[in-house]
Structures are given as C-alpha cells and as structure tokens.
Protein backbone atom coordinates (compact mmCIF):
# COMPACT_ATOMS: atom_id res chain seq x y z
CA MET A 1 -2.04 114.67 74.10
CA ASP A 2 0.19 117.13 75.89
CA LEU A 3 0.95 119.90 73.41
CA LEU A 4 4.02 121.69 74.63
CA ARG A 5 4.93 124.91 72.90
CA SER A 6 8.48 123.69 72.40
CA ALA A 7 7.14 120.75 70.38
CA LEU A 8 5.26 122.99 67.94
CA TRP A 9 6.93 124.52 64.91
CA THR A 10 5.80 126.56 61.94
CA ARG A 11 6.41 126.05 58.23
CA PRO A 12 4.96 127.34 54.94
CA LEU A 13 1.88 125.51 53.71
CA THR A 14 2.39 123.37 50.60
CA PRO A 15 0.06 121.64 48.10
CA ALA A 16 0.52 118.46 50.15
CA ASP A 17 -1.55 120.09 52.93
CA ARG A 18 -4.63 120.41 50.72
CA TRP A 19 -6.60 117.46 52.05
CA ALA A 20 -5.93 118.23 55.71
CA LEU A 21 -7.11 121.80 55.15
CA LEU A 22 -10.20 120.72 53.19
CA ASP A 23 -11.11 118.41 56.04
CA ALA A 24 -10.93 121.35 58.48
CA ILE A 25 -12.88 123.66 56.15
CA TYR A 26 -15.76 121.23 55.65
CA THR A 27 -15.95 119.45 59.01
CA ASP A 28 -14.84 121.94 61.69
CA PRO A 29 -17.52 124.58 62.45
CA HIS A 30 -14.89 126.80 64.05
CA THR A 31 -12.70 127.08 60.99
CA TYR A 32 -12.54 130.63 59.67
CA TYR A 33 -12.75 130.46 55.87
CA TYR A 34 -13.53 133.26 53.43
CA PRO A 35 -12.06 132.38 50.00
CA GLY A 36 -12.63 135.78 48.36
CA TRP A 37 -10.97 136.35 44.98
CA THR A 38 -8.76 133.28 45.10
CA ALA A 39 -9.02 129.65 46.21
CA LEU A 40 -7.20 127.16 48.40
CA GLY A 41 -5.19 125.69 45.52
CA ASP A 42 -3.87 129.13 44.60
CA TRP A 43 -2.76 129.87 48.16
CA LEU A 44 -0.88 126.59 48.48
CA ALA A 45 0.78 126.89 45.07
CA GLN A 46 1.94 130.43 45.85
CA GLY A 47 3.11 129.71 49.40
CA LEU A 48 0.72 132.26 50.94
CA GLY A 49 -0.03 130.34 54.14
CA TRP A 50 1.68 129.03 57.26
CA GLY A 51 1.10 125.81 59.15
CA LEU A 52 1.68 124.75 62.74
CA VAL A 53 3.07 121.24 63.08
CA PHE A 54 3.20 118.75 65.97
CA GLU A 55 4.92 115.41 65.46
CA ASP A 56 4.80 115.85 61.67
CA ALA A 57 1.02 116.47 61.73
CA LEU A 58 -0.51 119.77 60.62
CA VAL A 59 -2.51 121.00 63.61
CA ALA A 60 -3.23 124.65 62.68
CA ALA A 61 -2.98 126.91 59.65
CA LEU A 62 -3.28 130.56 58.66
CA VAL A 63 -3.61 132.13 55.21
CA ALA A 64 -3.49 135.91 54.64
CA VAL A 65 -3.62 136.93 50.96
CA PRO A 66 -2.20 140.30 49.80
CA GLU A 67 -4.95 141.80 47.65
CA SER A 68 -4.27 145.55 47.70
CA ASP A 69 -1.16 147.69 48.06
CA ILE A 70 -1.21 147.62 51.86
CA TRP A 71 -3.87 145.14 52.98
CA ALA A 72 -3.89 141.36 53.15
CA TRP A 73 -7.18 139.60 53.78
CA LEU A 74 -7.35 136.78 56.29
CA ARG A 75 -8.79 133.91 54.24
CA LEU A 76 -8.24 130.90 56.48
CA PHE A 77 -7.50 130.15 60.11
CA THR A 78 -8.00 126.77 61.70
CA ALA A 79 -6.70 124.98 64.76
CA ARG A 80 -7.33 121.38 65.76
CA GLY A 81 -9.55 120.97 68.82
CA ASP A 82 -6.70 119.91 71.12
CA VAL A 83 -4.55 122.90 70.15
CA PRO A 84 -4.97 126.13 72.17
CA THR A 85 -6.40 128.59 69.65
CA GLY A 86 -4.62 131.60 71.12
CA LEU A 87 -1.24 129.87 71.06
CA ALA A 88 -1.76 128.69 67.47
CA TRP A 89 -2.73 132.18 66.35
CA ARG A 90 0.26 133.86 68.03
CA MET A 91 2.79 131.43 66.57
CA LEU A 92 1.32 131.55 63.04
CA TRP A 93 0.86 135.33 63.17
CA ARG A 94 4.53 135.81 64.04
CA ALA A 95 5.57 133.49 61.21
CA ALA A 96 3.39 135.30 58.65
CA ALA A 97 4.09 138.89 59.72
CA ALA A 98 7.60 139.37 58.31
CA PRO A 99 6.83 137.93 54.82
CA LEU A 100 3.70 140.09 54.61
CA ALA A 101 5.59 143.21 55.67
CA ALA A 102 8.25 142.47 53.04
CA GLN A 103 5.50 142.75 50.40
CA GLY A 104 4.45 146.18 51.66
CA ILE A 105 1.49 144.89 53.67
CA THR A 106 0.75 147.04 56.72
CA HIS A 107 -2.56 145.54 57.87
CA VAL A 108 -4.45 142.25 57.85
CA VAL A 109 -8.23 142.44 57.46
CA GLY A 110 -10.90 139.92 58.37
CA LEU A 111 -14.69 139.60 58.15
CA GLY A 112 -16.70 138.89 61.27
CA GLY A 113 -20.38 138.31 61.86
CA ARG A 114 -20.32 135.08 63.81
CA ARG A 115 -20.07 135.39 67.58
CA TRP A 116 -17.00 133.19 67.97
CA VAL A 117 -15.24 134.94 65.05
CA ASP A 118 -15.83 138.42 66.48
CA ARG A 119 -14.60 137.24 69.89
CA PHE A 120 -11.53 135.71 68.26
CA PHE A 121 -10.70 138.97 66.48
CA ARG A 122 -11.11 141.05 69.64
CA GLN A 123 -8.87 138.72 71.59
CA GLY A 124 -6.32 138.79 68.76
CA GLY A 125 -5.97 142.58 68.90
CA PHE A 126 -8.04 143.40 65.81
CA ARG A 127 -10.14 146.60 65.71
CA HIS A 128 -13.68 146.76 64.38
CA THR A 129 -13.25 149.62 61.89
CA ALA A 130 -16.21 149.39 59.50
CA ASP A 131 -19.16 147.28 58.39
CA LEU A 132 -19.84 145.65 55.02
CA ARG A 133 -23.37 145.64 53.65
CA SER A 134 -24.66 143.05 51.19
CA LEU A 135 -27.42 143.91 48.71
CA LEU A 136 -29.40 141.73 46.32
CA TRP A 137 -31.05 142.57 43.00
CA ARG A 138 -33.91 140.30 41.95
CA GLY A 139 -35.00 142.14 38.83
CA PRO A 140 -36.87 142.56 36.66
CA ALA A 141 -34.63 144.23 34.12
CA SER A 142 -37.65 146.07 32.73
CA ALA A 143 -37.76 148.11 35.95
CA LEU A 144 -34.23 149.42 35.52
CA PRO A 145 -33.94 153.12 34.73
CA ALA A 146 -32.40 154.23 31.47
CA ALA A 147 -28.66 154.72 31.78
CA THR A 148 -27.21 155.88 28.51
CA PRO A 149 -23.55 156.91 28.79
CA ARG A 150 -22.28 160.16 27.42
CA ALA A 151 -22.12 160.42 23.65
CA ASP A 152 -18.32 160.36 23.79
CA LEU A 153 -18.26 156.99 25.62
CA ARG A 154 -18.91 153.45 24.55
CA ILE A 155 -19.81 150.50 26.81
CA ALA A 156 -18.89 147.07 25.47
CA PRO A 157 -17.55 143.70 26.63
CA LEU A 158 -14.09 144.13 28.11
CA PRO A 159 -11.52 142.58 25.72
CA ALA A 160 -8.57 140.63 27.09
CA ASP A 161 -6.08 143.13 25.71
CA ALA A 162 -7.75 145.93 27.72
CA VAL A 163 -7.55 144.27 31.15
CA ASP A 164 -4.27 146.05 31.95
CA ALA A 165 -6.00 149.36 31.22
CA ALA A 166 -8.86 148.33 33.53
CA ALA A 167 -6.33 147.49 36.25
CA GLN A 168 -4.86 150.96 35.89
CA VAL A 169 -8.32 152.49 36.29
CA ASP A 170 -8.73 150.40 39.44
CA ARG A 171 -5.50 151.79 40.87
CA LEU A 172 -6.59 155.36 40.20
CA ALA A 173 -10.14 154.88 41.47
CA PHE A 174 -9.36 153.57 44.95
CA ASP A 175 -7.16 154.34 47.93
CA PRO A 176 -4.20 151.99 48.52
CA ALA A 177 -6.15 149.87 51.01
CA TRP A 178 -8.87 149.03 48.48
CA ARG A 179 -7.26 149.04 45.04
CA LEU A 180 -6.79 145.55 43.67
CA ARG A 181 -3.36 144.30 42.72
CA PRO A 182 -3.17 143.98 38.91
CA GLU A 183 -2.89 140.20 39.00
CA LEU A 184 -6.19 140.04 40.88
CA VAL A 185 -7.93 142.22 38.29
CA HIS A 186 -6.79 139.66 35.70
CA ARG A 187 -8.05 136.85 37.96
CA VAL A 188 -11.48 138.44 38.40
CA TYR A 189 -11.69 139.01 34.64
CA ALA A 190 -10.76 135.40 33.90
CA GLU A 191 -13.54 134.13 36.17
CA ALA A 192 -16.15 136.74 35.22
CA ARG A 193 -19.53 135.76 33.94
CA LEU A 194 -19.67 139.21 32.35
CA ALA A 195 -17.09 142.01 32.14
CA LEU A 196 -17.81 145.39 30.57
CA TRP A 197 -15.75 148.53 30.11
CA ALA A 198 -16.50 152.13 29.30
CA CYS A 199 -14.03 153.69 26.88
CA THR A 200 -13.54 156.79 24.78
CA PRO A 201 -13.61 156.64 20.94
CA ASP A 202 -9.82 156.38 20.91
CA GLY A 203 -9.89 153.36 23.25
CA ARG A 204 -8.99 154.94 26.60
CA ALA A 205 -10.54 153.07 29.53
CA VAL A 206 -12.59 155.19 31.93
CA GLY A 207 -14.36 152.44 33.88
CA TYR A 208 -15.10 148.72 34.11
CA VAL A 209 -17.41 146.28 35.89
CA CYS A 210 -17.07 142.53 36.48
CA PHE A 211 -19.83 140.11 37.46
CA THR A 212 -18.67 136.71 38.69
CA PRO A 213 -20.74 133.50 38.88
CA ALA A 214 -22.71 132.88 42.09
CA PRO A 215 -25.20 130.20 43.19
CA HIS A 216 -28.04 132.73 42.88
CA GLY A 217 -26.86 133.95 39.46
CA ALA A 218 -24.09 136.53 39.61
CA HIS A 219 -22.11 138.73 41.99
CA LEU A 220 -21.10 142.28 41.11
CA ALA A 221 -17.50 141.70 42.09
CA ARG A 222 -15.86 144.93 40.96
CA LEU A 223 -16.87 148.38 39.73
CA ALA A 224 -14.28 151.10 39.14
CA VAL A 225 -14.44 154.49 37.39
CA HIS A 226 -11.50 156.78 36.62
CA PRO A 227 -11.50 159.77 39.02
CA ASP A 228 -11.81 162.23 36.11
CA TRP A 229 -15.06 160.54 35.08
CA GLN A 230 -16.68 159.93 38.44
CA GLY A 231 -20.01 161.60 39.11
CA GLN A 232 -20.96 161.57 35.43
CA GLY A 233 -23.12 158.44 35.34
CA VAL A 234 -20.42 156.06 34.08
CA GLY A 235 -20.73 153.62 37.00
CA ARG A 236 -24.50 153.68 36.79
CA ALA A 237 -24.42 152.94 33.06
CA LEU A 238 -21.99 150.06 33.54
CA VAL A 239 -24.14 148.44 36.24
CA VAL A 240 -27.42 148.93 34.34
CA GLN A 241 -26.04 147.52 31.12
CA GLY A 242 -24.52 144.62 33.03
CA LEU A 243 -27.83 143.77 34.70
CA GLN A 244 -29.66 144.05 31.38
CA ARG A 245 -27.23 141.75 29.57
CA LEU A 246 -27.24 139.18 32.37
CA SER A 247 -31.03 139.20 32.58
CA HIS A 248 -31.36 138.79 28.83
CA SER A 249 -29.35 135.55 28.95
CA ASP A 250 -30.75 134.37 32.31
CA PRO A 251 -34.10 136.05 33.08
CA GLY A 252 -34.47 134.58 36.57
CA LEU A 253 -31.06 135.41 37.99
CA TRP A 254 -30.35 137.44 41.12
CA VAL A 255 -27.28 139.65 41.48
CA SER A 256 -25.51 140.41 44.76
CA VAL A 257 -23.05 143.16 45.66
CA ASN A 258 -21.10 144.19 48.76
CA THR A 259 -20.06 147.67 49.82
CA GLN A 260 -19.32 149.48 53.05
CA ARG A 261 -22.18 150.80 55.13
CA ALA A 262 -20.39 154.17 55.26
CA ASN A 263 -20.20 154.39 51.46
CA THR A 264 -23.45 156.27 51.06
CA ARG A 265 -22.74 157.15 47.44
CA ALA A 266 -22.47 153.50 46.39
CA LEU A 267 -25.45 152.49 48.51
CA ARG A 268 -27.57 155.22 46.95
CA LEU A 269 -26.63 154.03 43.45
CA TYR A 270 -27.49 150.39 44.16
CA ARG A 271 -30.75 151.19 45.95
CA ARG A 272 -31.89 153.35 43.03
CA LEU A 273 -31.25 150.41 40.71
CA GLY A 274 -33.42 148.09 42.80
CA PHE A 275 -30.86 146.37 45.03
CA GLU A 276 -32.28 145.50 48.46
CA PRO A 277 -29.96 145.45 51.50
CA ASN A 278 -29.44 142.47 53.74
CA PRO A 279 -30.62 143.49 57.23
CA THR A 280 -27.41 142.21 58.85
CA ASP A 281 -24.04 143.84 58.18
CA GLN A 282 -20.66 142.11 58.48
CA PRO A 283 -18.09 143.76 60.75
CA LEU A 284 -14.68 144.47 59.22
CA TRP A 285 -11.78 143.79 61.60
CA VAL A 286 -8.29 145.23 61.02
CA SER A 287 -4.95 144.58 62.70
CA PRO A 288 -1.54 146.12 61.97
CA VAL A 289 1.23 143.80 60.83
CA PRO A 290 3.89 143.93 63.59
CA HIS A 291 6.92 144.04 61.25
CA ALA A 292 5.44 146.58 58.83
CA THR A 293 7.39 149.81 58.43
CA ALA A 294 4.25 151.90 57.90
CA ALA A 295 1.78 150.35 60.28
CA SER A 296 -0.36 153.43 60.80
CA ALA A 297 -4.11 152.89 60.94
CA PRO A 298 -6.02 153.20 57.66
CA SER A 299 -7.46 156.66 57.08
CA ALA A 300 -11.16 157.38 57.38
CA SER A 301 -11.28 158.06 53.64
CA ALA A 302 -9.77 154.64 52.92
CA LEU A 303 -12.39 152.94 55.06
CA ALA A 304 -15.17 154.72 53.18
CA ARG A 305 -14.36 152.93 49.95
CA PRO A 306 -16.44 149.95 48.72
C-alpha cells in the first residue's frame, strides 16, 4: 500500500492495542523489546506509549518508560514491514518527547547488541555512551567468603513497611540518572524472590538488595547502600547472605547480575564472590529528549553507576 505521511497519525497506546503489540513482539524479529522492570500491560494501563496509525490500523509503536529522575528507558519500538522505519521513529519520537519532558525526563536510553539495533540507534541520533556487563553466579554457596556485617547492623528480610526507607536509600546511593523512582522500588520488591535489608538497631535502613525470579534461578535486580555506609562491607554482606539464602532453598540455582563495564568497584565485588562475566557486553545508547529543559549530556560520574 502507499503509505503517505499525511495519512499517518499518532495517538497514545491503550489496552486495546495489547494483541497487536504481542503479535509484533513474538513474530517480528526486528521488534525492539526489553521489558525491564515493568511489563506491556503496565505500559498500556499507564498510557506510557505512542502508536502510529494508518486507516485505523496500528502500524508502529514506541514505549519509553521513566525509571529514574531524568532517564526513560526505551522498552519497545516496532514498525510494520511496509512502514518506513525512519519515518515511524521520527513521528513517534516527536509525539513522545513533550510528555516525557513534562515529567522531568532529559534523556532516553536503549540497549543495543544486535547489529540492526545498533544501526537503528546510530541513525536515530543516539550516542553509544557506555557498556553493560552481565555476570553469572553458579555456586556453590559453600565457596562464598564469610561476610558478617558490622556488629551494629542487622541483615534480615525486608519488611513491607520498610520499602519506603529502602527507596530513600536508593535515591541517596545513586546519581539522578540511575536512582529508581520510588514506585519502581515498590514494584521490584513486590516481584522479588528475595529482598533483604541492612538496618541499625533502631531500624534505620542503610542498604537493601532484591533478587527477582529468572529462568535460571534469580537475578540480582537491585543493590543499594547509603553513602555514609559505603565501603564498609554492607553491600558484600547483603549479596553473600542473599546468595546463601537462595541456595539453601534452591541448591542448583544460578544468579545473574548486570552492571556497567566502567564500574570497576562493582565488578570487583561480584568477581570476588564467584560471578563470571559474559564475554559480550551490551552497548548503552543515549539520546536527549528534544523538548527537555535540561538536556545536557549525562556526566561521566553518572555513567559509572551500575
């Protein structure tokens, strides 16, 4: 069919688009899809995506989910085979930019690694700013080093009434580009296979870790330590106790984790605990949001965070 630009229009995605999007996700090899912390149903219910329509049919879609103070992660982009990809991206990007900027988002971030995805990002004006490294722990728990926290700290399962305190630790532990929005900390906690916190005798949170379910066992989804307590073995103790507890209930499980290749401190911790790196890193691509009022590039220190 002859797709004229004047015949295409954009609109917010709705729950009614679910099946069309699932069809693209599972049948089109050139659909970009990284669900991350949230899922398709959440995006549609919250109006986080935009669709491109031709003759009442959804022919392309884009979802960018705000997950930190200033970054939204590109979670979905798809365009039907007879739709020019570049045109679909430009129209959807323009539609999404102003709503993202209104939420304080200055940059959209995506994960590459496939040749067509990296080419797409380059052509779309994204910059390759960093690389993410995946690591895998296969056990055994008996090989883990001792990691006893300080005498004035206690590590225990994170209770529901302490999740807000954990979210505050997260905000203090990371730069704006990497700190999770509080609602996402609650989401990760709700889905966690295991969540632990480190706290003082009077109940002040100083760190937390969440492991979420994964096909291979578990994924170390989040680790945060209050700045005043960093460098004192709190993160190490949280990870070790988490691995020990998970292995006790499921002796054969593997645990994955992702961090930035430039984050040598985190990599050193995980390697010492027996995590082995995947030989292939994933490039991180970043683009400023055109309508953002503070669209300066992320600082080097921000990009060094996990």
